[in-house]
Amino acid sequence: MAFIELHQVSKIIKHRELLHQVNAEIERGSITTLEGINGSGKTLILKALLGLMTVTGDVSVAGKSVNVQEAYPIKAGILIENPSLIDDFSAYKNLELLARLDTTLQPKQIHNLLDYFELTRFPEQKVRKFSLGMKQKLGIAEAFLGGYPLIILDEPTNALDHNSIIKLIQLIQAYNANGSTFIIASHDHDFVEQVATHKLFVKEGTISHEI
């Protein structure tokens, strides 16, 4: 059985079919990418498999059905659309607040991620003063915090410079080697080519083919 399965998943809003019979099987331990142009439906597929919106069809993770009203079957790190940050908090305080949801997380993990993404130079600076790239790196750090079995990244290379993208690729590969399964939506073809172990192409609200 696949780690994650989507079967005939569709979404209609105001008589418009945004997702059309999406079918996919994602294996545990893979780095699976969803590649396609902006507006193709990549983010909606991520939301469907995370149970963040109601859909028709079936979504299962680790053999358990995903439903909007129920707890997600496993722990997951998530970056969907724009990073979810509190502007009046520092980078550390943002991660510390998130870490309170999981008592197994240690302060060292926060420090390691902030150091890795070079976000410790101004420890007291509020996030509202961050550049777009710094905010993106902090959002990525939130997704990696905990090293969970599933990590979902939506257009993670947005606003990142070349060196930051290289560091992101290295971090994805390191966490994957340690057991995390990744699902990454991206229109950045070069990034996809460097990181993916399995590639799906999204077009007009459905997975049109495997690459």
Protein backbone atom coordinates (compact mmCIF):
# COMPACT_ATOMS: atom_id res chain seq x y z
CA MET A 1 0.00 0.00 0.00
CA ALA A 2 1.24 3.48 -0.90
CA PHE A 3 2.02 5.91 1.93
CA ILE A 4 -0.36 8.50 0.46
CA GLU A 5 -3.20 7.81 -1.96
CA LEU A 6 -5.56 10.14 -3.78
CA HIS A 7 -8.42 8.47 -5.65
CA GLN A 8 -10.80 10.37 -7.92
CA VAL A 9 -10.33 13.58 -5.90
CA SER A 10 -12.36 16.50 -7.25
CA LYS A 11 -13.27 19.99 -6.05
CA ILE A 12 -16.04 22.19 -7.42
CA ILE A 13 -16.57 25.81 -6.34
CA LYS A 14 -19.37 27.90 -7.82
CA HIS A 15 -19.96 25.39 -10.62
CA ARG A 16 -16.27 25.49 -11.58
CA GLU A 17 -14.28 22.27 -11.32
CA LEU A 18 -10.95 23.26 -9.80
CA LEU A 19 -9.73 19.68 -9.31
CA HIS A 20 -10.75 16.91 -11.67
CA GLN A 21 -10.47 13.24 -10.67
CA VAL A 22 -6.96 13.48 -9.24
CA ASN A 23 -5.33 10.07 -8.80
CA ALA A 24 -1.90 9.53 -7.27
CA GLU A 25 0.10 7.11 -5.17
CA ILE A 26 3.06 8.47 -3.23
CA GLU A 27 5.52 6.08 -1.68
CA ARG A 28 7.00 6.44 1.79
CA GLY A 29 10.51 7.88 1.68
CA SER A 30 10.11 9.56 -1.70
CA ILE A 31 10.66 13.18 -2.68
CA THR A 32 7.64 13.64 -4.91
CA THR A 33 7.22 16.88 -6.82
CA LEU A 34 4.12 18.40 -8.37
CA GLU A 35 5.25 20.43 -11.34
CA GLY A 36 3.09 22.76 -13.40
CA ILE A 37 2.39 26.37 -14.24
CA ASN A 38 0.85 28.78 -11.74
CA GLY A 39 -2.87 28.11 -11.44
CA SER A 40 -2.61 24.51 -12.57
CA GLY A 41 -3.96 23.18 -9.26
CA LYS A 42 -0.78 22.22 -7.40
CA THR A 43 -1.66 24.06 -4.18
CA LEU A 44 -5.22 22.71 -4.20
CA ILE A 45 -3.89 19.15 -4.44
CA LEU A 46 -1.66 19.81 -1.43
CA LYS A 47 -4.63 21.20 0.52
CA ALA A 48 -6.71 18.16 -0.42
CA LEU A 49 -4.12 15.65 0.76
CA LEU A 50 -3.68 17.61 4.01
CA GLY A 51 -7.41 17.69 4.70
CA LEU A 52 -7.51 21.48 4.59
CA MET A 53 -10.60 21.54 2.37
CA THR A 54 -13.53 19.27 1.61
CA VAL A 55 -13.34 17.29 -1.62
CA THR A 56 -15.11 14.42 -3.28
CA GLY A 57 -13.16 11.22 -3.72
CA ASP A 58 -10.80 9.57 -1.23
CA VAL A 59 -7.54 10.65 0.38
CA SER A 60 -5.60 8.34 2.69
CA VAL A 61 -2.32 8.71 4.57
CA ALA A 62 -0.56 5.76 6.20
CA GLY A 63 -3.67 3.64 5.59
CA LYS A 64 -6.06 6.08 7.29
CA SER A 65 -8.67 8.28 5.64
CA VAL A 66 -8.13 12.05 5.67
CA ASN A 67 -11.17 14.08 6.70
CA VAL A 68 -11.49 17.80 7.31
CA GLN A 69 -13.20 17.37 10.69
CA GLU A 70 -10.68 14.85 12.07
CA ALA A 71 -7.09 14.97 13.29
CA TYR A 72 -4.51 14.33 10.59
CA PRO A 73 -3.28 10.72 10.65
CA ILE A 74 0.41 11.61 11.14
CA LYS A 75 2.58 14.55 12.15
CA ALA A 76 3.45 16.79 9.20
CA GLY A 77 5.52 19.90 8.56
CA ILE A 78 3.75 22.33 6.25
CA LEU A 79 4.50 25.38 4.12
CA ILE A 80 1.43 26.24 2.07
CA GLU A 81 1.24 29.44 0.01
CA ASN A 82 2.67 32.27 2.15
CA PRO A 83 4.57 31.49 5.38
CA SER A 84 2.37 31.68 8.49
CA LEU A 85 4.35 34.14 10.61
CA ILE A 86 3.61 36.54 13.44
CA ASP A 87 5.07 39.89 12.35
CA ASP A 88 5.60 41.26 15.86
CA PHE A 89 7.66 38.24 16.96
CA SER A 90 11.30 37.47 16.27
CA ALA A 91 12.30 34.46 14.16
CA TYR A 92 13.14 32.48 17.30
CA LYS A 93 9.87 33.36 19.01
CA ASN A 94 7.90 32.28 15.92
CA LEU A 95 9.54 28.85 15.99
CA GLU A 96 9.30 28.62 19.77
CA LEU A 97 5.56 29.22 19.61
CA LEU A 98 5.19 26.45 17.03
CA ALA A 99 7.38 24.12 19.10
CA ARG A 100 4.97 24.43 22.04
CA LEU A 101 2.56 22.24 20.07
CA ASP A 102 5.02 19.33 20.32
CA THR A 103 6.63 18.64 23.67
CA THR A 104 9.29 16.44 22.06
CA LEU A 105 10.91 19.40 20.30
CA GLN A 106 14.07 20.83 21.83
CA PRO A 107 15.35 24.44 21.68
CA LYS A 108 18.49 23.14 19.96
CA GLN A 109 16.41 22.21 16.91
CA ILE A 110 15.21 25.81 16.65
CA HIS A 111 18.73 27.20 16.94
CA ASN A 112 20.08 24.73 14.36
CA LEU A 113 17.49 25.69 11.74
CA LEU A 114 17.89 29.42 12.34
CA ASP A 115 21.67 29.09 12.07
CA TYR A 116 21.38 26.99 8.92
CA PHE A 117 19.26 29.63 7.18
CA GLU A 118 21.36 32.52 8.55
CA LEU A 119 18.47 34.01 10.49
CA THR A 120 20.41 34.59 13.74
CA ARG A 121 22.27 37.75 12.72
CA PHE A 122 19.58 39.99 14.19
CA PRO A 123 18.10 37.88 17.00
CA GLU A 124 15.70 40.50 18.32
CA GLN A 125 14.50 41.82 14.96
CA LYS A 126 10.78 41.50 14.39
CA VAL A 127 9.65 39.49 11.39
CA ARG A 128 7.83 42.53 9.95
CA LYS A 129 11.27 43.97 9.12
CA PHE A 130 12.44 40.83 7.32
CA SER A 131 12.99 40.72 3.57
CA LEU A 132 10.79 38.41 1.50
CA GLY A 133 13.63 35.91 1.29
CA MET A 134 14.14 35.90 5.06
CA LYS A 135 10.41 35.34 5.62
CA GLN A 136 10.46 32.48 3.14
CA LYS A 137 13.40 30.83 4.90
CA LEU A 138 11.65 31.17 8.25
CA GLY A 139 8.52 29.57 6.80
CA ILE A 140 10.66 26.70 5.48
CA ALA A 141 12.27 26.34 8.92
CA GLU A 142 8.78 26.00 10.43
CA ALA A 143 8.02 23.12 8.05
CA PHE A 144 11.27 21.33 8.91
CA LEU A 145 10.95 21.79 12.67
CA GLY A 146 10.47 18.36 14.19
CA GLY A 147 11.69 16.40 11.17
CA TYR A 148 8.24 14.87 10.78
CA PRO A 149 7.39 11.79 8.65
CA LEU A 150 5.72 14.04 6.05
CA ILE A 151 6.91 17.47 4.94
CA ILE A 152 4.82 19.50 2.48
CA LEU A 153 6.40 22.46 0.68
CA ASP A 154 4.49 24.78 -1.66
CA GLU A 155 6.76 26.76 -4.02
CA PRO A 156 9.61 26.75 -1.48
CA THR A 157 12.11 28.49 -3.78
CA ASN A 158 10.04 31.69 -4.00
CA ALA A 159 12.18 34.73 -3.11
CA LEU A 160 15.26 32.58 -2.41
CA ASP A 161 18.67 33.39 -3.86
CA HIS A 162 20.83 30.76 -5.53
CA ASN A 163 22.83 29.85 -2.43
CA SER A 164 19.68 29.52 -0.33
CA ILE A 165 18.16 27.17 -2.90
CA ILE A 166 21.28 24.99 -2.77
CA LYS A 167 21.03 24.88 1.04
CA LEU A 168 17.34 24.00 0.77
CA ILE A 169 18.10 21.11 -1.59
CA GLN A 170 20.78 19.81 0.77
CA LEU A 171 18.41 20.04 3.75
CA ILE A 172 15.62 18.22 1.89
CA GLN A 173 18.01 15.43 0.97
CA ALA A 174 19.34 15.18 4.54
CA TYR A 175 15.86 14.98 6.09
CA ASN A 176 14.76 12.53 3.41
CA ALA A 177 17.74 10.29 4.20
CA ASN A 178 16.59 10.42 7.82
CA GLY A 179 13.11 9.14 6.90
CA SER A 180 10.96 12.14 5.95
CA THR A 181 8.72 11.85 2.89
CA PHE A 182 8.44 15.07 0.88
CA ILE A 183 5.73 16.39 -1.39
CA ILE A 184 6.80 19.60 -3.07
CA ALA A 185 4.81 21.80 -5.45
CA SER A 186 7.02 23.90 -7.68
CA HIS A 187 7.15 25.57 -11.08
CA ASP A 188 10.96 25.84 -10.73
CA HIS A 189 12.06 23.15 -13.18
CA ASP A 190 15.77 23.31 -12.30
CA PHE A 191 15.00 22.87 -8.61
CA VAL A 192 12.68 19.94 -9.35
CA GLU A 193 15.33 18.24 -11.47
CA GLN A 194 17.83 18.42 -8.63
CA VAL A 195 15.61 17.26 -5.79
CA ALA A 196 12.87 14.92 -7.05
CA THR A 197 12.91 11.15 -6.80
CA HIS A 198 9.42 10.99 -8.35
CA LYS A 199 7.73 13.65 -10.48
CA LEU A 200 4.07 14.33 -11.23
CA PHE A 201 2.89 16.89 -13.77
CA VAL A 202 -0.21 18.93 -12.92
CA LYS A 203 -2.33 20.53 -15.64
CA GLU A 204 -5.83 22.02 -15.51
CA GLY A 205 -6.66 20.66 -12.07
CA THR A 206 -5.49 17.09 -12.47
CA ILE A 207 -2.34 15.01 -12.54
CA SER A 208 -1.97 14.57 -16.26
CA HIS A 209 1.00 12.23 -16.20
CA GLU A 210 4.09 11.06 -14.36
CA ILE A 211 7.41 12.38 -15.60
